[in-house]
């Protein structure tokens, strides 16, 4: 899809002329029901991020992005547990976006009994599994389905990962704006932040990563990332300890992306020097000493400076 087609499609979705299929699962009443115990290292790390970056405030309505993977599943439980003990009200709900990536698997040479072979039955089972996860955490769940797999995976010159991320964020942010949620919570963790920082340097020559808290002026929604202090290994440990079931990513490119290569690079470097991860994380912070070259001069300015340099000058 060309840029014009992309803009036209988003305008149709944004205006409501093209609408995703929606499936709603209400939240159960769990006020008297204990949640599964979330490990204290997860609660402590999330509480630190929430306090340091002002991620929660009285009266917030927070929409949690729930993919069904380990990160968002744990965040749903942990946020629900945390907000139960706040001295002021915060409302939580979950939303899952299905972009039809499983449909692309029908064009790939995969096993006949693959759990991700597209079918109405598999989609329904996936949504019911997600609804059970949300319900156990005391959350309602909205699922929106729209097949954008061709735009994501078969668009020459555009990164499938960035395209997929854009569509997921756009649909969640738009729903949050329409339904009065002032905040969205994504489950990006500490490893994600460090990998993004290094990826920006290696693949686009930019120095930066995502922020723990970002206000979006277009939608008026604030994006929060309560798990930015949680390491991925601790998430895996917590999922196993709590006995939570998670779903595999439907992306056919999973494990073959720039992020996967960057993750592997950091892992290899840490075998030689265990402080590599901490050093990259430290470089993400403002206030660190930086020794950077000046900005690239415009061609016109550089040409003028070159002419001045070669002018005869008295000693």
Protein backbone atom coordinates (compact mmCIF):
# COMPACT_ATOMS: atom_id res chain seq x y z
CA UNK A 1 0.00 0.00 0.00
CA UNK A 2 1.44 3.38 -0.95
CA UNK A 3 1.53 6.36 1.39
CA UNK A 4 -1.64 7.80 -0.07
CA UNK A 5 -3.43 4.48 0.39
CA UNK A 6 -2.16 4.23 3.97
CA UNK A 7 -3.38 7.75 4.81
CA UNK A 8 -6.74 7.05 3.16
CA UNK A 9 -7.20 3.80 5.10
CA UNK A 10 -6.39 5.47 8.41
CA UNK A 11 -8.77 8.32 7.63
CA UNK A 12 -11.53 5.78 6.98
CA UNK A 13 -10.83 4.00 10.28
CA UNK A 14 -10.45 7.24 12.21
CA UNK A 15 -13.75 8.59 10.86
CA UNK A 16 -15.57 5.33 11.51
CA UNK A 17 -16.33 4.53 7.86
CA UNK A 18 -14.21 1.39 8.26
CA UNK A 19 -14.77 -0.24 11.64
CA UNK A 20 -12.91 -3.18 13.19
CA UNK A 21 -14.99 -6.10 14.42
CA UNK A 22 -15.47 -5.67 18.16
CA UNK A 23 -15.95 -8.30 20.86
CA UNK A 24 -16.65 -7.20 24.45
CA UNK A 25 -16.18 -9.29 27.59
CA UNK A 26 -17.39 -7.57 30.79
CA UNK A 27 -15.37 -7.62 33.99
CA UNK A 28 -16.48 -9.93 36.81
CA UNK A 29 -17.04 -8.65 40.33
CA UNK A 30 -13.84 -9.58 42.15
CA UNK A 31 -14.02 -7.13 45.04
CA UNK A 32 -14.07 -9.95 47.56
CA UNK A 33 -11.92 -12.34 45.53
CA UNK A 34 -8.15 -12.46 46.11
CA UNK A 35 -5.96 -12.17 43.02
CA UNK A 36 -3.02 -14.46 42.40
CA UNK A 37 -0.08 -13.20 44.42
CA UNK A 38 2.27 -11.13 42.25
CA UNK A 39 5.97 -11.49 43.24
CA UNK A 40 7.17 -8.57 45.33
CA UNK A 41 10.08 -7.73 43.01
CA UNK A 42 7.53 -7.03 40.24
CA UNK A 43 5.31 -4.92 42.51
CA UNK A 44 8.32 -3.02 43.85
CA UNK A 45 9.69 -2.25 40.37
CA UNK A 46 6.32 -1.11 39.05
CA UNK A 47 5.64 0.99 42.15
CA UNK A 48 9.01 2.71 41.68
CA UNK A 49 8.19 3.60 38.07
CA UNK A 50 4.65 4.75 38.93
CA UNK A 51 5.89 7.07 41.68
CA UNK A 52 9.01 8.36 39.91
CA UNK A 53 7.29 9.15 36.61
CA UNK A 54 3.79 10.05 37.95
CA UNK A 55 2.12 7.29 35.97
CA UNK A 56 -1.05 7.10 38.10
CA UNK A 57 -3.19 9.89 39.55
CA UNK A 58 -6.57 10.02 41.30
CA UNK A 59 -9.47 9.48 38.92
CA UNK A 60 -7.42 7.98 36.08
CA UNK A 61 -9.17 5.73 33.58
CA UNK A 62 -6.43 3.45 32.23
CA UNK A 63 -6.74 1.22 29.16
CA UNK A 64 -4.27 -1.68 29.27
CA UNK A 65 -2.90 -3.02 25.99
CA UNK A 66 -3.29 -6.80 26.40
CA UNK A 67 -1.59 -8.87 23.71
CA UNK A 68 -1.77 -12.12 25.66
CA UNK A 69 2.01 -12.42 25.80
CA UNK A 70 4.02 -12.70 29.00
CA UNK A 71 4.66 -8.96 29.44
CA UNK A 72 1.13 -7.61 29.07
CA UNK A 73 -0.39 -10.56 30.95
CA UNK A 74 1.80 -9.94 33.99
CA UNK A 75 1.19 -6.17 33.81
CA UNK A 76 -2.59 -6.72 33.83
CA UNK A 77 -2.36 -8.75 37.05
CA UNK A 78 0.19 -6.46 38.70
CA UNK A 79 -1.64 -3.21 37.89
CA UNK A 80 -4.89 -4.68 39.13
CA UNK A 81 -3.21 -5.74 42.37
CA UNK A 82 -1.54 -2.37 42.84
CA UNK A 83 -4.63 -0.27 42.22
CA UNK A 84 -6.63 -2.26 44.78
CA UNK A 85 -4.45 -0.77 47.50
CA UNK A 86 -4.42 2.87 46.34
CA UNK A 87 -6.08 5.43 48.66
CA UNK A 88 -7.91 6.94 45.67
CA UNK A 89 -9.87 5.52 42.70
CA UNK A 90 -8.35 4.34 39.43
CA UNK A 91 -10.35 2.50 36.75
CA UNK A 92 -8.74 -0.21 34.64
CA UNK A 93 -9.85 -2.00 31.47
CA UNK A 94 -8.05 -4.10 28.86
CA UNK A 95 -8.00 -3.99 25.07
CA UNK A 96 -6.59 -6.44 22.55
CA UNK A 97 -5.93 -5.57 18.89
CA UNK A 98 -5.91 -8.39 16.33
CA UNK A 99 -4.43 -7.17 13.03
CA UNK A 100 -4.98 -10.43 11.20
CA UNK A 101 -1.33 -11.44 11.19
CA UNK A 102 -2.35 -15.06 11.65
CA UNK A 103 -4.01 -14.87 8.24
CA UNK A 104 -0.59 -14.46 6.61
CA UNK A 105 0.48 -17.82 8.00
CA UNK A 106 -1.77 -19.55 5.50
CA UNK A 107 0.68 -18.40 2.82
CA UNK A 108 3.68 -19.87 4.63
CA UNK A 109 4.88 -23.52 4.72
CA UNK A 110 3.81 -24.33 8.29
CA UNK A 111 2.53 -27.45 10.01
CA UNK A 112 -1.07 -28.39 9.24
CA UNK A 113 -1.93 -28.55 12.93
CA UNK A 114 -0.33 -25.19 13.77
CA UNK A 115 -2.23 -23.33 16.47
CA UNK A 116 -1.91 -20.19 14.36
CA UNK A 117 -3.45 -21.54 11.16
CA UNK A 118 -6.21 -18.96 10.60
CA UNK A 119 -9.78 -19.98 11.24
CA UNK A 120 -12.82 -18.57 12.98
CA UNK A 121 -12.48 -21.33 15.58
CA UNK A 122 -8.88 -20.41 16.43
CA UNK A 123 -9.72 -16.73 16.67
CA UNK A 124 -12.66 -17.45 18.97
CA UNK A 125 -10.54 -19.68 21.20
CA UNK A 126 -7.81 -17.03 21.33
CA UNK A 127 -10.30 -14.33 22.35
CA UNK A 128 -11.89 -16.54 25.00
CA UNK A 129 -8.45 -17.29 26.44
CA UNK A 130 -7.69 -13.57 26.60
CA UNK A 131 -11.05 -12.88 28.22
CA UNK A 132 -10.31 -15.45 30.93
CA UNK A 133 -6.96 -13.76 31.62
CA UNK A 134 -8.63 -10.35 31.85
CA UNK A 135 -11.45 -11.69 34.01
CA UNK A 136 -9.06 -13.32 36.47
CA UNK A 137 -7.36 -9.93 36.84
CA UNK A 138 -10.77 -8.31 37.35
CA UNK A 139 -10.75 -6.46 34.02
CA UNK A 140 -13.21 -6.07 31.19
CA UNK A 141 -11.79 -6.83 27.75
CA UNK A 142 -12.46 -5.31 24.35
CA UNK A 143 -11.10 -7.12 21.30
CA UNK A 144 -10.89 -5.31 17.97
CA UNK A 145 -10.15 -7.29 14.81
CA UNK A 146 -9.20 -5.81 11.44
CA UNK A 147 -7.04 -7.54 8.83
CA UNK A 148 -4.13 -5.22 8.04
CA UNK A 149 -1.62 -8.03 7.52
CA UNK A 150 -0.95 -7.17 3.87
CA UNK A 151 -0.14 -3.55 4.73
CA UNK A 152 2.18 -4.70 7.53
CA UNK A 153 3.99 -7.63 5.93
CA UNK A 154 3.88 -6.92 2.20
CA UNK A 155 4.80 -3.27 2.02
CA UNK A 156 8.24 -2.81 0.35
CA UNK A 157 10.49 -0.23 1.93
CA UNK A 158 8.64 -0.13 5.25
CA UNK A 159 9.53 -1.93 8.46
CA UNK A 160 6.86 -4.52 9.35
CA UNK A 161 7.57 -4.00 13.06
CA UNK A 162 7.06 -0.23 12.95
CA UNK A 163 3.96 -0.65 10.78
CA UNK A 164 2.44 -3.21 13.15
CA UNK A 165 3.28 -1.06 16.17
CA UNK A 166 1.74 1.99 14.53
CA UNK A 167 -1.57 0.28 13.81
CA UNK A 168 -1.84 -1.22 17.29
CA UNK A 169 -1.12 2.11 18.96
CA UNK A 170 -3.42 4.04 16.64
CA UNK A 171 -6.40 1.76 17.28
CA UNK A 172 -5.86 1.70 21.05
CA UNK A 173 -5.29 5.44 21.32
CA UNK A 174 -8.34 6.20 19.20
CA UNK A 175 -10.58 3.94 21.28
CA UNK A 176 -9.23 5.45 24.50
CA UNK A 177 -9.98 8.96 23.22
CA UNK A 178 -13.52 8.08 22.14
CA UNK A 179 -14.39 6.23 25.35
CA UNK A 180 -12.89 8.71 27.81
CA UNK A 181 -9.79 6.82 28.97
CA UNK A 182 -7.17 9.44 29.77
CA UNK A 183 -4.27 6.96 29.92
CA UNK A 184 -3.05 3.88 28.06
CA UNK A 185 -0.64 1.39 29.65
CA UNK A 186 1.80 -0.63 27.54
CA UNK A 187 3.97 -3.43 28.91
CA UNK A 188 7.36 -2.38 27.55
CA UNK A 189 10.01 -3.44 30.03
CA UNK A 190 13.61 -2.46 30.88
CA UNK A 191 15.14 -4.74 28.23
CA UNK A 192 12.81 -3.24 25.59
CA UNK A 193 13.99 0.27 26.47
CA UNK A 194 17.69 -0.64 26.29
CA UNK A 195 17.22 -2.55 23.03
CA UNK A 196 15.29 0.36 21.50
CA UNK A 197 18.08 2.75 22.49
CA UNK A 198 20.74 0.60 20.84
CA UNK A 199 18.55 -0.11 17.78
CA UNK A 200 18.09 3.60 17.20
CA UNK A 201 21.85 4.09 17.18
CA UNK A 202 22.62 1.07 14.99
CA UNK A 203 19.77 1.20 12.48
CA UNK A 204 18.78 4.87 12.20
CA UNK A 205 21.66 6.92 13.64
CA UNK A 206 19.43 8.39 16.37
CA UNK A 207 20.05 8.58 20.09
CA UNK A 208 16.89 7.94 22.07
CA UNK A 209 14.33 5.45 23.35
CA UNK A 210 10.68 5.46 24.38
CA UNK A 211 9.67 7.44 27.45
CA UNK A 212 8.03 6.05 30.60
CA UNK A 213 5.27 8.66 30.14
CA UNK A 214 4.25 10.50 26.96
CA UNK A 215 1.32 12.86 26.40
CA UNK A 216 -0.16 12.68 22.89
CA UNK A 217 -1.48 16.06 21.83
CA UNK A 218 -3.45 14.61 18.88
CA UNK A 219 -5.64 12.37 21.05
CA UNK A 220 -5.19 13.93 24.49
CA UNK A 221 -4.22 10.49 25.82
CA UNK A 222 -1.16 9.85 28.00
CA UNK A 223 0.87 6.72 27.24
CA UNK A 224 2.41 5.07 30.30
CA UNK A 225 4.83 2.18 30.66
CA UNK A 226 4.67 0.93 34.26
CA UNK A 227 7.13 -1.94 33.66
CA UNK A 228 10.13 0.11 32.53
CA UNK A 229 12.14 -0.96 35.59
CA UNK A 230 11.34 -4.68 35.23
CA UNK A 231 13.88 -6.99 33.56
CA UNK A 232 12.57 -9.55 31.08
CA UNK A 233 14.10 -12.43 33.04
CA UNK A 234 12.10 -11.35 36.10
CA UNK A 235 8.90 -11.29 34.04
CA UNK A 236 9.54 -14.86 32.88
CA UNK A 237 10.23 -15.91 36.48
CA UNK A 238 7.03 -14.27 37.72
CA UNK A 239 4.91 -15.85 34.99
CA UNK A 240 6.25 -19.28 35.89
CA UNK A 241 5.85 -18.72 39.62
CA UNK A 242 2.25 -17.53 39.23
CA UNK A 243 1.40 -20.31 36.80
CA UNK A 244 -0.05 -17.91 34.24
CA UNK A 245 -0.84 -19.06 30.72
CA UNK A 246 0.30 -16.82 27.87
CA UNK A 247 -0.08 -16.91 24.11
CA UNK A 248 2.57 -17.04 21.43
CA UNK A 249 3.01 -14.08 19.10
CA UNK A 250 1.12 -14.58 15.81
CA UNK A 251 3.75 -12.61 13.91
CA UNK A 252 5.44 -14.74 11.22
CA UNK A 253 8.56 -12.59 11.62
CA UNK A 254 8.87 -13.23 15.36
CA UNK A 255 12.51 -13.95 16.18
CA UNK A 256 13.81 -12.59 12.86
CA UNK A 257 13.56 -8.84 13.48
CA UNK A 258 16.03 -6.04 14.18
CA UNK A 259 14.98 -6.25 17.83
CA UNK A 260 15.75 -9.96 17.96
CA UNK A 261 19.21 -9.35 16.51
CA UNK A 262 19.84 -6.47 18.93
CA UNK A 263 18.71 -8.60 21.87
CA UNK A 264 21.13 -11.34 20.80
CA UNK A 265 23.95 -8.80 20.42
CA UNK A 266 23.46 -7.45 23.94
CA UNK A 267 23.30 -10.98 25.33
CA UNK A 268 26.61 -11.90 23.66
CA UNK A 269 28.32 -8.71 24.84
CA UNK A 270 27.13 -9.34 28.39
CA UNK A 271 28.81 -12.74 28.36
CA UNK A 272 32.12 -10.91 27.98
CA UNK A 273 31.23 -7.99 30.24
CA UNK A 274 28.15 -8.31 32.50
CA UNK A 275 28.01 -4.51 32.91
CA UNK A 276 27.20 -3.85 29.23
CA UNK A 277 23.44 -3.77 29.83
CA UNK A 278 23.79 -1.40 32.79
CA UNK A 279 26.10 0.89 30.81
CA UNK A 280 23.66 1.16 27.90
CA UNK A 281 20.84 1.83 30.36
CA UNK A 282 22.91 4.52 32.05
CA UNK A 283 23.58 6.22 28.70
CA UNK A 284 19.81 6.62 28.20
CA UNK A 285 19.59 9.05 31.11
CA UNK A 286 19.68 12.83 30.82
CA UNK A 287 22.50 14.56 32.63
CA UNK A 288 25.19 12.12 31.51
CA UNK A 289 28.38 13.52 30.01
CA UNK A 290 28.31 13.35 26.24
CA UNK A 291 31.07 13.95 23.77
CA UNK A 292 29.27 14.44 20.47
CA UNK A 293 30.35 16.05 17.22
CA UNK A 294 28.67 19.31 16.19
CA UNK A 295 25.61 19.19 13.93
CA UNK A 296 26.22 18.55 10.23
CA UNK A 297 26.65 21.88 8.48
CA UNK A 298 24.33 22.80 5.63
CA UNK A 299 26.02 22.51 2.25
CA UNK A 300 25.71 26.25 1.61
CA UNK A 301 27.33 27.15 4.94
CA UNK A 302 30.11 24.60 4.46
CA UNK A 303 30.83 25.91 0.97
CA UNK A 304 31.07 29.47 2.29
CA UNK A 305 33.36 28.35 5.09
CA UNK A 306 35.52 26.52 2.54
CA UNK A 307 35.83 29.68 0.42
CA UNK A 308 36.79 31.71 3.48
CA UNK A 309 39.41 29.13 4.44
CA UNK A 310 41.21 29.42 1.08
CA UNK A 311 41.30 33.20 0.97
CA UNK A 312 44.82 34.65 1.21
CA UNK A 313 45.53 35.91 4.69
CA UNK A 314 48.40 37.92 6.06
CA UNK A 315 50.65 36.36 8.65
